[in-house]
Amino acid sequence: MQEALHITPGQLSKISNISLSYQQEMDKAAVSPDRSKKQASLMRKKDSELKAILDNEQYREYYKREQAIRKQDKIIYKDHQPL
């Protein structure tokens, strides 16, 4: 992501902190009965925080990449049943 979006060192530090924080929250939400809602809410909040850090072009590229990843995850996990 750093190279694709041309992230500055200052942006990288902020993005790393946000990503770590949200990953920890996503892990907690994964065991929640309403995990889909919680995870969707967390993804929206993360996107909002990143939008405040990235410039318009960086955010557009980030969002495009995230949408592709999220779409792929839905395809991969569509029929996944928890053990």
N, C-alpha and C. Protein backbone atom coordinates (compact mmCIF):
# COMPACT_ATOMS: atom_id res chain seq x y z
N MET A 1 0.83 -1.19 0.00
CA MET A 1 0.00 0.00 0.00
C MET A 1 0.87 1.25 0.00
N GLN A 2 1.95 1.21 0.74
CA GLN A 2 2.81 2.39 0.85
C GLN A 2 3.29 2.85 -0.52
N GLU A 3 3.77 1.92 -1.32
CA GLU A 3 4.28 2.29 -2.63
C GLU A 3 3.16 2.64 -3.60
N ALA A 4 2.08 1.87 -3.58
CA ALA A 4 0.98 2.09 -4.52
C ALA A 4 0.32 3.45 -4.31
N LEU A 5 0.26 3.89 -3.06
CA LEU A 5 -0.41 5.15 -2.75
C LEU A 5 0.56 6.32 -2.56
N HIS A 6 1.86 6.03 -2.66
CA HIS A 6 2.88 7.06 -2.44
C HIS A 6 2.71 7.73 -1.08
N ILE A 7 2.68 6.89 -0.06
CA ILE A 7 2.49 7.34 1.31
C ILE A 7 3.76 8.03 1.82
N THR A 8 3.59 9.16 2.48
CA THR A 8 4.74 9.85 3.07
C THR A 8 5.07 9.19 4.41
N PRO A 9 6.29 9.40 4.92
CA PRO A 9 6.63 8.82 6.22
C PRO A 9 5.68 9.26 7.34
N GLY A 10 5.25 10.51 7.32
CA GLY A 10 4.30 11.00 8.33
C GLY A 10 2.96 10.30 8.23
N GLN A 11 2.49 10.10 7.02
CA GLN A 11 1.23 9.39 6.80
C GLN A 11 1.37 7.93 7.23
N LEU A 12 2.50 7.34 6.92
CA LEU A 12 2.72 5.93 7.23
C LEU A 12 2.60 5.65 8.72
N SER A 13 3.16 6.49 9.53
CA SER A 13 3.07 6.32 10.97
C SER A 13 1.62 6.36 11.45
N LYS A 14 0.86 7.33 10.97
CA LYS A 14 -0.54 7.46 11.36
C LYS A 14 -1.36 6.28 10.86
N ILE A 15 -1.14 5.89 9.62
CA ILE A 15 -1.88 4.77 9.02
C ILE A 15 -1.57 3.48 9.75
N SER A 16 -0.32 3.26 10.09
CA SER A 16 0.07 2.05 10.82
C SER A 16 -0.65 1.95 12.16
N ASN A 17 -0.72 3.06 12.88
CA ASN A 17 -1.42 3.08 14.16
C ASN A 17 -2.90 2.79 14.00
N ILE A 18 -3.51 3.40 13.00
CA ILE A 18 -4.93 3.17 12.74
C ILE A 18 -5.17 1.72 12.36
N SER A 19 -4.36 1.19 11.47
CA SER A 19 -4.54 -0.19 11.00
C SER A 19 -4.40 -1.19 12.14
N LEU A 20 -3.43 -0.99 12.99
CA LEU A 20 -3.23 -1.89 14.13
C LEU A 20 -4.42 -1.83 15.08
N SER A 21 -4.87 -0.64 15.38
CA SER A 21 -6.00 -0.46 16.28
C SER A 21 -7.25 -1.14 15.73
N TYR A 22 -7.53 -0.92 14.46
CA TYR A 22 -8.73 -1.51 13.87
C TYR A 22 -8.61 -3.02 13.71
N GLN A 23 -7.41 -3.52 13.45
CA GLN A 23 -7.26 -4.97 13.36
C GLN A 23 -7.56 -5.63 14.70
N GLN A 24 -7.12 -5.01 15.78
CA GLN A 24 -7.43 -5.54 17.10
C GLN A 24 -8.93 -5.51 17.37
N GLU A 25 -9.60 -4.43 16.96
CA GLU A 25 -11.04 -4.34 17.14
C GLU A 25 -11.79 -5.35 16.26
N MET A 26 -11.28 -5.57 15.05
CA MET A 26 -11.90 -6.55 14.15
C MET A 26 -11.78 -7.96 14.73
N ASP A 27 -10.64 -8.25 15.35
CA ASP A 27 -10.46 -9.56 15.98
C ASP A 27 -11.47 -9.77 17.11
N LYS A 28 -11.70 -8.73 17.89
CA LYS A 28 -12.68 -8.81 18.98
C LYS A 28 -14.09 -8.99 18.41
N ALA A 29 -14.39 -8.25 17.36
CA ALA A 29 -15.73 -8.32 16.76
C ALA A 29 -15.98 -9.67 16.10
N ALA A 30 -14.93 -10.36 15.70
CA ALA A 30 -15.08 -11.64 15.00
C ALA A 30 -15.77 -12.70 15.84
N VAL A 31 -15.71 -12.57 17.15
CA VAL A 31 -16.33 -13.57 18.03
C VAL A 31 -17.68 -13.07 18.57
N SER A 32 -18.12 -11.94 18.09
CA SER A 32 -19.39 -11.36 18.52
C SER A 32 -20.55 -11.98 17.75
N PRO A 33 -21.72 -12.14 18.40
CA PRO A 33 -22.89 -12.69 17.69
C PRO A 33 -23.31 -11.84 16.48
N ASP A 34 -23.12 -10.54 16.56
CA ASP A 34 -23.47 -9.66 15.43
C ASP A 34 -22.21 -9.14 14.74
N ARG A 35 -21.30 -10.06 14.49
CA ARG A 35 -19.98 -9.71 13.97
C ARG A 35 -20.04 -8.95 12.65
N SER A 36 -20.93 -9.32 11.76
CA SER A 36 -20.99 -8.65 10.45
C SER A 36 -21.27 -7.16 10.60
N LYS A 37 -22.24 -6.82 11.45
CA LYS A 37 -22.57 -5.41 11.67
C LYS A 37 -21.40 -4.67 12.31
N LYS A 38 -20.81 -5.28 13.32
CA LYS A 38 -19.69 -4.63 14.01
C LYS A 38 -18.51 -4.44 13.08
N GLN A 39 -18.19 -5.47 12.30
CA GLN A 39 -17.05 -5.36 11.40
C GLN A 39 -17.31 -4.34 10.30
N ALA A 40 -18.53 -4.29 9.78
CA ALA A 40 -18.86 -3.30 8.75
C ALA A 40 -18.73 -1.88 9.32
N SER A 41 -19.19 -1.70 10.55
CA SER A 41 -19.09 -0.40 11.20
C SER A 41 -17.62 -0.01 11.40
N LEU A 42 -16.82 -0.96 11.83
CA LEU A 42 -15.39 -0.69 12.03
C LEU A 42 -14.71 -0.34 10.71
N MET A 43 -15.05 -1.02 9.64
CA MET A 43 -14.45 -0.72 8.34
C MET A 43 -14.81 0.69 7.88
N ARG A 44 -16.07 1.10 8.11
CA ARG A 44 -16.48 2.46 7.74
C ARG A 44 -15.71 3.50 8.55
N LYS A 45 -15.55 3.24 9.85
CA LYS A 45 -14.81 4.19 10.70
C LYS A 45 -13.35 4.27 10.28
N LYS A 46 -12.75 3.12 9.98
CA LYS A 46 -11.36 3.11 9.54
C LYS A 46 -11.22 3.90 8.24
N ASP A 47 -12.11 3.65 7.28
CA ASP A 47 -12.07 4.39 6.02
C ASP A 47 -12.16 5.89 6.26
N SER A 48 -13.03 6.29 7.18
CA SER A 48 -13.20 7.71 7.49
C SER A 48 -11.91 8.31 8.08
N GLU A 49 -11.28 7.58 8.98
CA GLU A 49 -10.04 8.08 9.58
C GLU A 49 -8.93 8.17 8.54
N LEU A 50 -8.86 7.18 7.65
CA LEU A 50 -7.83 7.21 6.62
C LEU A 50 -8.08 8.34 5.62
N LYS A 51 -9.34 8.63 5.35
CA LYS A 51 -9.68 9.70 4.42
C LYS A 51 -9.15 11.04 4.93
N ALA A 52 -9.12 11.20 6.24
CA ALA A 52 -8.62 12.44 6.84
C ALA A 52 -7.09 12.56 6.72
N ILE A 53 -6.41 11.45 6.51
CA ILE A 53 -4.95 11.45 6.43
C ILE A 53 -4.47 11.51 4.98
N LEU A 54 -5.15 10.81 4.11
CA LEU A 54 -4.73 10.71 2.71
C LEU A 54 -5.27 11.88 1.90
N ASP A 55 -4.55 12.23 0.82
CA ASP A 55 -5.11 13.23 -0.08
C ASP A 55 -6.16 12.54 -0.96
N ASN A 56 -6.86 13.32 -1.76
CA ASN A 56 -7.98 12.77 -2.55
C ASN A 56 -7.55 11.63 -3.46
N GLU A 57 -6.45 11.79 -4.16
CA GLU A 57 -5.99 10.75 -5.09
C GLU A 57 -5.57 9.49 -4.32
N GLN A 58 -4.85 9.67 -3.23
CA GLN A 58 -4.45 8.52 -2.41
C GLN A 58 -5.68 7.78 -1.89
N TYR A 59 -6.66 8.53 -1.42
CA TYR A 59 -7.86 7.89 -0.87
C TYR A 59 -8.64 7.14 -1.95
N ARG A 60 -8.76 7.75 -3.13
CA ARG A 60 -9.46 7.05 -4.22
C ARG A 60 -8.79 5.72 -4.53
N GLU A 61 -7.48 5.72 -4.60
CA GLU A 61 -6.75 4.47 -4.89
C GLU A 61 -6.89 3.49 -3.73
N TYR A 62 -6.78 3.96 -2.50
CA TYR A 62 -6.98 3.11 -1.33
C TYR A 62 -8.36 2.46 -1.38
N TYR A 63 -9.39 3.28 -1.62
CA TYR A 63 -10.77 2.79 -1.60
C TYR A 63 -10.99 1.75 -2.70
N LYS A 64 -10.44 2.02 -3.87
CA LYS A 64 -10.57 1.08 -4.99
C LYS A 64 -9.93 -0.27 -4.62
N ARG A 65 -8.77 -0.23 -4.02
CA ARG A 65 -8.08 -1.46 -3.62
C ARG A 65 -8.85 -2.18 -2.51
N GLU A 66 -9.37 -1.43 -1.55
CA GLU A 66 -10.14 -2.03 -0.46
C GLU A 66 -11.41 -2.70 -0.97
N GLN A 67 -12.09 -2.06 -1.88
CA GLN A 67 -13.32 -2.64 -2.44
C GLN A 67 -13.01 -3.97 -3.12
N ALA A 68 -11.92 -4.05 -3.85
CA ALA A 68 -11.53 -5.30 -4.52
C ALA A 68 -11.23 -6.38 -3.49
N ILE A 69 -10.53 -6.02 -2.42
CA ILE A 69 -10.19 -6.98 -1.37
C ILE A 69 -11.46 -7.45 -0.68
N ARG A 70 -12.34 -6.53 -0.33
CA ARG A 70 -13.57 -6.89 0.37
C ARG A 70 -14.48 -7.76 -0.51
N LYS A 71 -14.51 -7.46 -1.79
CA LYS A 71 -15.30 -8.28 -2.71
C LYS A 71 -14.72 -9.70 -2.77
N GLN A 72 -13.42 -9.80 -2.86
CA GLN A 72 -12.76 -11.11 -2.91
C GLN A 72 -13.01 -11.88 -1.61
N ASP A 73 -12.95 -11.21 -0.48
CA ASP A 73 -13.21 -11.87 0.80
C ASP A 73 -14.61 -12.45 0.85
N LYS A 74 -15.59 -11.72 0.32
CA LYS A 74 -16.96 -12.22 0.31
C LYS A 74 -17.07 -13.46 -0.55
N ILE A 75 -16.35 -13.48 -1.66
CA ILE A 75 -16.37 -14.65 -2.54
C ILE A 75 -15.72 -15.84 -1.84
N ILE A 76 -14.59 -15.61 -1.21
CA ILE A 76 -13.86 -16.68 -0.54
C ILE A 76 -14.65 -17.23 0.64
N TYR A 77 -15.24 -16.34 1.44
CA TYR A 77 -15.88 -16.77 2.67
C TYR A 77 -17.40 -16.91 2.57
N LYS A 78 -17.93 -16.77 1.39
CA LYS A 78 -19.37 -16.82 1.21
C LYS A 78 -19.98 -18.07 1.81
N ASP A 79 -19.40 -19.22 1.53
CA ASP A 79 -19.95 -20.48 2.02
C ASP A 79 -19.21 -21.03 3.23
N HIS A 80 -18.36 -20.23 3.81
CA HIS A 80 -17.58 -20.67 4.97
C HIS A 80 -18.48 -20.81 6.19
N GLN A 81 -18.38 -21.92 6.82
CA GLN A 81 -19.13 -22.17 8.06
C GLN A 81 -18.12 -22.30 9.20
N PRO A 82 -18.36 -21.63 10.32
CA PRO A 82 -17.45 -21.75 11.46
C PRO A 82 -17.39 -23.20 11.95
N LEU A 83 -16.24 -23.56 12.43
CA LEU A 83 -16.06 -24.92 12.98
C LEU A 83 -16.65 -25.06 14.33
